[in-house]
């Protein structure tokens, strides 16, 4: 079983691919620097960035693992609570 994990609960957009034996095949993390001037994460900015970056981050993770989306057996995602106000 090959699992694609996607994480977007705060200001980082990330995707990882794990093999059945638990080996990490790829891990891509995109950190948002846009929040630094505000002294913390701005939920609306983070949410908008996730919308535009999650696709490319997943594509990069799949490419790094040398896999296609149709070879993924399961997808795991974060589910709440996430950022209030996004």
PDB file of N, CA and C in Angstrom:
ATOM      1  N   UNK A   1       0.847  -1.174   0.000  1.00  0.00           N
ATOM      2  CA  UNK A   1       0.000   0.000   0.000  1.00  0.00           C
ATOM      3  C   UNK A   1       0.895   1.241   0.000  1.00  0.00           C
ATOM      4  N   UNK A   2       0.586   2.179  -0.862  1.00  0.00           N
ATOM      5  CA  UNK A   2       1.304   3.450  -0.937  1.00  0.00           C
ATOM      6  C   UNK A   2       0.339   4.554  -0.510  1.00  0.00           C
ATOM      7  N   UNK A   3       0.793   5.390   0.425  1.00  0.00           N
ATOM      8  CA  UNK A   3      -0.067   6.427   0.992  1.00  0.00           C
ATOM      9  C   UNK A   3       0.481   7.808   0.660  1.00  0.00           C
ATOM     10  N   UNK A   4      -0.411   8.687   0.228  1.00  0.00           N
ATOM     11  CA  UNK A   4      -0.098  10.094   0.025  1.00  0.00           C
ATOM     12  C   UNK A   4      -0.676  10.861   1.207  1.00  0.00           C
ATOM     13  N   UNK A   5       0.173  11.574   1.933  1.00  0.00           N
ATOM     14  CA  UNK A   5      -0.276  12.386   3.053  1.00  0.00           C
ATOM     15  C   UNK A   5      -0.213  13.854   2.684  1.00  0.00           C
ATOM     16  N   UNK A   6      -1.255  14.601   3.033  1.00  0.00           N
ATOM     17  CA  UNK A   6      -1.323  16.031   2.733  1.00  0.00           C
ATOM     18  C   UNK A   6      -1.624  16.778   4.029  1.00  0.00           C
ATOM     19  N   UNK A   7      -0.832  17.838   4.303  1.00  0.00           N
ATOM     20  CA  UNK A   7      -0.988  18.602   5.536  1.00  0.00           C
ATOM     21  C   UNK A   7      -1.119  20.081   5.207  1.00  0.00           C
ATOM     22  N   UNK A   8      -2.215  20.696   5.672  1.00  0.00           N
ATOM     23  CA  UNK A   8      -2.463  22.120   5.420  1.00  0.00           C
ATOM     24  C   UNK A   8      -3.135  22.789   6.616  1.00  0.00           C
ATOM     25  N   UNK A   9      -2.869  22.315   7.825  1.00  0.00           N
ATOM     26  CA  UNK A   9      -3.615  22.819   8.981  1.00  0.00           C
ATOM     27  C   UNK A   9      -3.146  24.174   9.494  1.00  0.00           C
ATOM     28  N   UNK A  10      -1.970  24.621   9.092  1.00  0.00           N
ATOM     29  CA  UNK A  10      -1.512  25.938   9.537  1.00  0.00           C
ATOM     30  C   UNK A  10      -0.934  26.681   8.342  1.00  0.00           C
ATOM     31  N   UNK A  11       0.311  27.113   8.406  1.00  0.00           N
ATOM     32  CA  UNK A  11       0.848  27.926   7.318  1.00  0.00           C
ATOM     33  C   UNK A  11       1.767  27.163   6.373  1.00  0.00           C
ATOM     34  N   UNK A  12       2.004  25.899   6.613  1.00  0.00           N
ATOM     35  CA  UNK A  12       2.817  25.106   5.693  1.00  0.00           C
ATOM     36  C   UNK A  12       1.921  24.192   4.871  1.00  0.00           C
ATOM     37  N   UNK A  13       2.256  24.090   3.602  1.00  0.00           N
ATOM     38  CA  UNK A  13       1.579  23.150   2.716  1.00  0.00           C
ATOM     39  C   UNK A  13       2.569  22.023   2.486  1.00  0.00           C
ATOM     40  N   UNK A  14       2.185  20.790   2.810  1.00  0.00           N
ATOM     41  CA  UNK A  14       3.129  19.691   2.641  1.00  0.00           C
ATOM     42  C   UNK A  14       2.434  18.440   2.135  1.00  0.00           C
ATOM     43  N   UNK A  15       3.247  17.615   1.477  1.00  0.00           N
ATOM     44  CA  UNK A  15       2.772  16.324   0.983  1.00  0.00           C
ATOM     45  C   UNK A  15       3.913  15.328   1.106  1.00  0.00           C
ATOM     46  N   UNK A  16       3.567  14.117   1.470  1.00  0.00           N
ATOM     47  CA  UNK A  16       4.558  13.057   1.608  1.00  0.00           C
ATOM     48  C   UNK A  16       3.986  11.771   1.042  1.00  0.00           C
ATOM     49  N   UNK A  17       4.873  10.917   0.558  1.00  0.00           N
ATOM     50  CA  UNK A  17       4.470   9.612   0.041  1.00  0.00           C
ATOM     51  C   UNK A  17       5.200   8.552   0.854  1.00  0.00           C
ATOM     52  N   UNK A  18       4.425   7.600   1.389  1.00  0.00           N
ATOM     53  CA  UNK A  18       4.985   6.514   2.181  1.00  0.00           C
ATOM     54  C   UNK A  18       4.702   5.175   1.524  1.00  0.00           C
ATOM     55  N   UNK A  19       5.695   4.299   1.552  1.00  0.00           N
ATOM     56  CA  UNK A  19       5.545   2.946   1.027  1.00  0.00           C
ATOM     57  C   UNK A  19       4.886   2.058   2.077  1.00  0.00           C
ATOM     58  N   UNK A  20       4.471   0.882   1.656  1.00  0.00           N
ATOM     59  CA  UNK A  20       3.786  -0.058   2.543  1.00  0.00           C
ATOM     60  C   UNK A  20       4.636  -0.425   3.756  1.00  0.00           C
ATOM     61  N   UNK A  21       5.951  -0.490   3.571  1.00  0.00           N
ATOM     62  CA  UNK A  21       6.835  -0.862   4.678  1.00  0.00           C
ATOM     63  C   UNK A  21       7.193   0.320   5.580  1.00  0.00           C
ATOM     64  N   UNK A  22       6.589   1.482   5.312  1.00  0.00           N
ATOM     65  CA  UNK A  22       6.832   2.660   6.125  1.00  0.00           C
ATOM     66  C   UNK A  22       7.956   3.548   5.641  1.00  0.00           C
ATOM     67  N   UNK A  23       8.632   3.143   4.569  1.00  0.00           N
ATOM     68  CA  UNK A  23       9.701   3.974   4.015  1.00  0.00           C
ATOM     69  C   UNK A  23       9.135   5.271   3.460  1.00  0.00           C
ATOM     70  N   UNK A  24       9.790   6.364   3.773  1.00  0.00           N
ATOM     71  CA  UNK A  24       9.406   7.668   3.250  1.00  0.00           C
ATOM     72  C   UNK A  24       9.972   7.804   1.844  1.00  0.00           C
ATOM     73  N   UNK A  25       9.087   7.869   0.854  1.00  0.00           N
ATOM     74  CA  UNK A  25       9.512   7.971  -0.535  1.00  0.00           C
ATOM     75  C   UNK A  25       9.730   9.416  -0.952  1.00  0.00           C
ATOM     76  N   UNK A  26       8.990  10.339  -0.355  1.00  0.00           N
ATOM     77  CA  UNK A  26       9.180  11.764  -0.628  1.00  0.00           C
ATOM     78  C   UNK A  26       8.517  12.584   0.464  1.00  0.00           C
ATOM     79  N   UNK A  27       8.994  13.812   0.606  1.00  0.00           N
ATOM     80  CA  UNK A  27       8.428  14.746   1.576  1.00  0.00           C
ATOM     81  C   UNK A  27       8.694  16.153   1.062  1.00  0.00           C
ATOM     82  N   UNK A  28       7.641  16.875   0.720  1.00  0.00           N
ATOM     83  CA  UNK A  28       7.768  18.227   0.190  1.00  0.00           C
ATOM     84  C   UNK A  28       7.039  19.175   1.137  1.00  0.00           C
ATOM     85  N   UNK A  29       7.738  20.206   1.587  1.00  0.00           N
ATOM     86  CA  UNK A  29       7.163  21.187   2.503  1.00  0.00           C
ATOM     87  C   UNK A  29       7.372  22.580   1.921  1.00  0.00           C
ATOM     88  N   UNK A  30       6.290  23.315   1.788  1.00  0.00           N
ATOM     89  CA  UNK A  30       6.350  24.701   1.334  1.00  0.00           C
ATOM     90  C   UNK A  30       5.959  25.588   2.511  1.00  0.00           C
ATOM     91  N   UNK A  31       6.905  26.364   2.997  1.00  0.00           N
ATOM     92  CA  UNK A  31       6.647  27.271   4.115  1.00  0.00           C
ATOM     93  C   UNK A  31       6.283  28.651   3.587  1.00  0.00           C
ATOM     94  N   UNK A  32       5.313  29.261   4.226  1.00  0.00           N
ATOM     95  CA  UNK A  32       4.870  30.598   3.828  1.00  0.00           C
ATOM     96  C   UNK A  32       5.615  31.651   4.643  1.00  0.00           C
ATOM     97  N   UNK A  33       6.269  32.566   3.956  1.00  0.00           N
ATOM     98  CA  UNK A  33       6.995  33.647   4.622  1.00  0.00           C
ATOM     99  C   UNK A  33       6.154  34.923   4.722  1.00  0.00           C
ATOM    100  N   UNK A  34       4.991  34.940   4.089  1.00  0.00           N
ATOM    101  CA  UNK A  34       4.157  36.144   4.029  1.00  0.00           C
ATOM    102  C   UNK A  34       3.668  36.621   5.391  1.00  0.00           C
ATOM    103  N   UNK A  35       3.729  35.761   6.392  1.00  0.00           N
ATOM    104  CA  UNK A  35       3.167  36.091   7.697  1.00  0.00           C
ATOM    105  C   UNK A  35       4.143  36.837   8.605  1.00  0.00           C
ATOM    106  N   UNK A  36       5.413  36.823   8.289  1.00  0.00           N
ATOM    107  CA  UNK A  36       6.441  37.416   9.151  1.00  0.00           C
ATOM    108  C   UNK A  36       6.153  38.870   9.530  1.00  0.00           C
ATOM    109  N   UNK A  37       5.737  39.715   8.599  1.00  0.00           N
ATOM    110  CA  UNK A  37       5.484  41.115   8.977  1.00  0.00           C
ATOM    111  C   UNK A  37       4.352  41.289   9.994  1.00  0.00           C
ATOM    112  N   UNK A  38       3.485  40.280  10.127  1.00  0.00           N
ATOM    113  CA  UNK A  38       2.326  40.370  11.015  1.00  0.00           C
ATOM    114  C   UNK A  38       2.597  39.782  12.400  1.00  0.00           C
ATOM    115  N   UNK A  39       3.760  39.173  12.577  1.00  0.00           N
ATOM    116  CA  UNK A  39       4.107  38.598  13.866  1.00  0.00           C
ATOM    117  C   UNK A  39       3.423  37.281  14.161  1.00  0.00           C
ATOM    118  N   UNK A  40       2.787  36.692  13.192  1.00  0.00           N
ATOM    119  CA  UNK A  40       2.110  35.409  13.358  1.00  0.00           C
ATOM    120  C   UNK A  40       1.340  35.064  12.104  1.00  0.00           C
ATOM    121  N   UNK A  41       0.740  33.904  12.119  1.00  0.00           N
ATOM    122  CA  UNK A  41       0.018  33.406  10.949  1.00  0.00           C
ATOM    123  C   UNK A  41      -1.302  34.156  10.780  1.00  0.00           C
ATOM    124  N   UNK A  42      -1.563  34.605   9.568  1.00  0.00           N
ATOM    125  CA  UNK A  42      -2.835  35.242   9.216  1.00  0.00           C
ATOM    126  C   UNK A  42      -3.665  34.184   8.484  1.00  0.00           C
ATOM    127  N   UNK A  43      -4.744  33.687   9.107  1.00  0.00           N
ATOM    128  CA  UNK A  43      -5.501  32.576   8.528  1.00  0.00           C
ATOM    129  C   UNK A  43      -5.935  32.784   7.079  1.00  0.00           C
ATOM    130  N   UNK A  44      -6.415  33.951   6.731  1.00  0.00           N
ATOM    131  CA  UNK A  44      -6.885  34.190   5.363  1.00  0.00           C
ATOM    132  C   UNK A  44      -5.744  34.080   4.357  1.00  0.00           C
ATOM    133  N   UNK A  45      -4.581  34.612   4.697  1.00  0.00           N
ATOM    134  CA  UNK A  45      -3.416  34.489   3.805  1.00  0.00           C
ATOM    135  C   UNK A  45      -2.990  33.032   3.662  1.00  0.00           C
ATOM    136  N   UNK A  46      -2.983  32.304   4.778  1.00  0.00           N
ATOM    137  CA  UNK A  46      -2.594  30.897   4.747  1.00  0.00           C
ATOM    138  C   UNK A  46      -3.549  30.086   3.885  1.00  0.00           C
ATOM    139  N   UNK A  47      -4.840  30.319   4.055  1.00  0.00           N
ATOM    140  CA  UNK A  47      -5.849  29.590   3.290  1.00  0.00           C
ATOM    141  C   UNK A  47      -5.700  29.831   1.792  1.00  0.00           C
ATOM    142  N   UNK A  48      -5.507  31.083   1.413  1.00  0.00           N
ATOM    143  CA  UNK A  48      -5.345  31.403  -0.010  1.00  0.00           C
ATOM    144  C   UNK A  48      -4.090  30.757  -0.584  1.00  0.00           C
ATOM    145  N   UNK A  49      -3.027  30.752   0.200  1.00  0.00           N
ATOM    146  CA  UNK A  49      -1.788  30.137  -0.277  1.00  0.00           C
ATOM    147  C   UNK A  49      -1.958  28.630  -0.456  1.00  0.00           C
ATOM    148  N   UNK A  50      -2.674  27.979   0.473  1.00  0.00           N
ATOM    149  CA  UNK A  50      -2.909  26.536   0.335  1.00  0.00           C
ATOM    150  C   UNK A  50      -3.646  26.225  -0.969  1.00  0.00           C
ATOM    151  N   UNK A  51      -4.634  27.040  -1.297  1.00  0.00           N
ATOM    152  CA  UNK A  51      -5.419  26.812  -2.515  1.00  0.00           C
ATOM    153  C   UNK A  51      -4.525  26.821  -3.742  1.00  0.00           C
ATOM    154  N   UNK A  52      -3.580  27.741  -3.784  1.00  0.00           N
ATOM    155  CA  UNK A  52      -2.737  27.857  -4.977  1.00  0.00           C
ATOM    156  C   UNK A  52      -1.526  26.931  -4.968  1.00  0.00           C
ATOM    157  N   UNK A  53      -1.154  26.396  -3.808  1.00  0.00           N
ATOM    158  CA  UNK A  53       0.078  25.598  -3.749  1.00  0.00           C
ATOM    159  C   UNK A  53      -0.115  24.107  -3.513  1.00  0.00           C
ATOM    160  N   UNK A  54      -1.275  23.675  -3.042  1.00  0.00           N
ATOM    161  CA  UNK A  54      -1.424  22.255  -2.697  1.00  0.00           C
ATOM    162  C   UNK A  54      -1.263  21.354  -3.922  1.00  0.00           C
ATOM    163  N   UNK A  55      -1.791  21.758  -5.060  1.00  0.00           N
ATOM    164  CA  UNK A  55      -1.634  20.950  -6.276  1.00  0.00           C
ATOM    165  C   UNK A  55      -0.182  20.769  -6.675  1.00  0.00           C
ATOM    166  N   UNK A  56       0.571  21.862  -6.828  1.00  0.00           N
ATOM    167  CA  UNK A  56       1.985  21.724  -7.172  1.00  0.00           C
ATOM    168  C   UNK A  56       2.807  20.963  -6.127  1.00  0.00           C
ATOM    169  N   UNK A  57       2.493  21.128  -4.846  1.00  0.00           N
ATOM    170  CA  UNK A  57       3.226  20.409  -3.804  1.00  0.00           C
ATOM    171  C   UNK A  57       2.974  18.907  -3.923  1.00  0.00           C
ATOM    172  N   UNK A  58       1.728  18.510  -4.152  1.00  0.00           N
ATOM    173  CA  UNK A  58       1.407  17.091  -4.343  1.00  0.00           C
ATOM    174  C   UNK A  58       2.115  16.556  -5.591  1.00  0.00           C
ATOM    175  N   UNK A  59       2.094  17.322  -6.673  1.00  0.00           N
ATOM    176  CA  UNK A  59       2.782  16.898  -7.899  1.00  0.00           C
ATOM    177  C   UNK A  59       4.270  16.706  -7.658  1.00  0.00           C
ATOM    178  N   UNK A  60       4.892  17.602  -6.899  1.00  0.00           N
ATOM    179  CA  UNK A  60       6.317  17.478  -6.587  1.00  0.00           C
ATOM    180  C   UNK A  60       6.592  16.236  -5.749  1.00  0.00           C
ATOM    181  N   UNK A  61       5.719  15.958  -4.780  1.00  0.00           N
ATOM    182  CA  UNK A  61       5.899  14.780  -3.932  1.00  0.00           C
ATOM    183  C   UNK A  61       5.783  13.500  -4.748  1.00  0.00           C
ATOM    184  N   UNK A  62       4.807  13.452  -5.647  1.00  0.00           N
ATOM    185  CA  UNK A  62       4.655  12.275  -6.506  1.00  0.00           C
ATOM    186  C   UNK A  62       5.858  12.122  -7.431  1.00  0.00           C
ATOM    187  N   UNK A  63       6.319  13.219  -8.010  1.00  0.00           N
ATOM    188  CA  UNK A  63       7.476  13.162  -8.911  1.00  0.00           C
ATOM    189  C   UNK A  63       8.728  12.706  -8.165  1.00  0.00           C
ATOM    190  N   UNK A  64       8.927  13.215  -6.952  1.00  0.00           N
ATOM    191  CA  UNK A  64      10.094  12.824  -6.164  1.00  0.00           C
ATOM    192  C   UNK A  64      10.057  11.340  -5.808  1.00  0.00           C
ATOM    193  N   UNK A  65       8.849  10.804  -5.632  1.00  0.00           N
ATOM    194  CA  UNK A  65       8.682   9.376  -5.333  1.00  0.00           C
ATOM    195  C   UNK A  65       8.670   8.528  -6.602  1.00  0.00           C
ATOM    196  N   UNK A  66       8.686   9.197  -7.754  1.00  0.00           N
ATOM    197  CA  UNK A  66       8.622   8.533  -9.065  1.00  0.00           C
ATOM    198  C   UNK A  66       7.353   7.696  -9.205  1.00  0.00           C
ATOM    199  N   UNK A  67       6.245   8.314  -8.805  1.00  0.00           N
ATOM    200  CA  UNK A  67       4.947   7.649  -8.878  1.00  0.00           C
ATOM    201  C   UNK A  67       3.937   8.565  -9.552  1.00  0.00           C
ATOM    202  N   UNK A  68       2.864   7.963 -10.037  1.00  0.00           N
ATOM    203  CA  UNK A  68       1.728   8.693 -10.597  1.00  0.00           C
ATOM    204  C   UNK A  68       0.583   8.618  -9.591  1.00  0.00           C
ATOM    205  N   UNK A  69      -0.347   9.548  -9.684  1.00  0.00           N
ATOM    206  CA  UNK A  69      -1.467   9.574  -8.746  1.00  0.00           C
ATOM    207  C   UNK A  69      -2.260   8.269  -8.756  1.00  0.00           C
ATOM    208  N   UNK A  70      -2.383   7.633  -9.913  1.00  0.00           N
ATOM    209  CA  UNK A  70      -3.170   6.394  -9.979  1.00  0.00           C
ATOM    210  C   UNK A  70      -2.486   5.200  -9.313  1.00  0.00           C
ATOM    211  N   UNK A  71      -1.251   5.366  -8.832  1.00  0.00           N
ATOM    212  CA  UNK A  71      -0.573   4.288  -8.105  1.00  0.00           C
ATOM    213  C   UNK A  71      -0.731   4.433  -6.591  1.00  0.00           C
ATOM    214  N   UNK A  72      -1.401   5.502  -6.165  1.00  0.00           N
ATOM    215  CA  UNK A  72      -1.615   5.748  -4.738  1.00  0.00           C
ATOM    216  C   UNK A  72      -2.814   4.927  -4.270  1.00  0.00           C
ATOM    217  N   UNK A  73      -2.635   4.214  -3.153  1.00  0.00           N
ATOM    218  CA  UNK A  73      -3.705   3.369  -2.621  1.00  0.00           C
ATOM    219  C   UNK A  73      -4.610   4.102  -1.634  1.00  0.00           C
ATOM    220  N   UNK A  74      -4.053   5.083  -0.935  1.00  0.00           N
ATOM    221  CA  UNK A  74      -4.839   5.810   0.063  1.00  0.00           C
ATOM    222  C   UNK A  74      -4.289   7.226   0.195  1.00  0.00           C
ATOM    223  N   UNK A  75      -5.167   8.139   0.602  1.00  0.00           N
ATOM    224  CA  UNK A  75      -4.777   9.522   0.836  1.00  0.00           C
ATOM    225  C   UNK A  75      -5.164   9.878   2.266  1.00  0.00           C
ATOM    226  N   UNK A  76      -4.202  10.423   3.007  1.00  0.00           N
ATOM    227  CA  UNK A  76      -4.440  10.853   4.385  1.00  0.00           C
ATOM    228  C   UNK A  76      -4.300  12.369   4.439  1.00  0.00           C
ATOM    229  N   UNK A  77      -5.246  13.024   5.092  1.00  0.00           N
ATOM    230  CA  UNK A  77      -5.220  14.485   5.192  1.00  0.00           C
ATOM    231  C   UNK A  77      -5.483  14.919   6.630  1.00  0.00           C
ATOM    232  N   UNK A  78      -5.033  16.124   6.953  1.00  0.00           N
ATOM    233  CA  UNK A  78      -5.381  16.686   8.256  1.00  0.00           C
ATOM    234  C   UNK A  78      -6.862  17.051   8.238  1.00  0.00           C
ATOM    235  N   UNK A  79      -7.482  16.918   9.398  1.00  0.00           N
ATOM    236  CA  UNK A  79      -8.909  17.225   9.502  1.00  0.00           C
ATOM    237  C   UNK A  79      -9.145  17.947  10.818  1.00  0.00           C
ATOM    238  N   UNK A  80      -9.201  19.272  10.750  1.00  0.00           N
ATOM    239  CA  UNK A  80      -9.496  20.090  11.903  1.00  0.00           C
ATOM    240  C   UNK A  80      -8.448  20.037  12.991  1.00  0.00           C
ATOM    241  N   UNK A  81      -8.423  20.984  13.868  1.00  0.00           N
ATOM    242  CA  UNK A  81      -9.248  22.163  13.811  1.00  0.00           C
ATOM    243  C   UNK A  81      -8.781  23.185  12.789  1.00  0.00           C
ATOM    244  N   UNK A  82      -7.499  23.185  12.418  1.00  0.00           N
ATOM    245  CA  UNK A  82      -7.035  24.146  11.425  1.00  0.00           C
ATOM    246  C   UNK A  82      -7.033  25.562  11.968  1.00  0.00           C
ATOM    247  N   UNK A  83      -6.984  26.516  11.062  1.00  0.00           N
ATOM    248  CA  UNK A  83      -6.920  27.922  11.440  1.00  0.00           C
ATOM    249  C   UNK A  83      -8.317  28.526  11.531  1.00  0.00           C
ATOM    250  N   UNK A  84      -8.610  29.176  12.619  1.00  0.00           N
ATOM    251  CA  UNK A  84      -9.890  29.861  12.784  1.00  0.00           C
ATOM    252  C   UNK A  84      -9.926  31.057  11.839  1.00  0.00           C
ATOM    253  N   UNK A  85     -11.034  31.228  11.166  1.00  0.00           N
ATOM    254  CA  UNK A  85     -11.196  32.379  10.292  1.00  0.00           C
ATOM    255  C   UNK A  85     -10.755  32.167   8.872  1.00  0.00           C
ATOM    256  N   UNK A  86     -10.313  30.969   8.554  1.00  0.00           N
ATOM    257  CA  UNK A  86      -9.888  30.735   7.171  1.00  0.00           C
ATOM    258  C   UNK A  86     -11.009  30.131   6.439  1.00  0.00           C
TER     259      UNK A  86
END
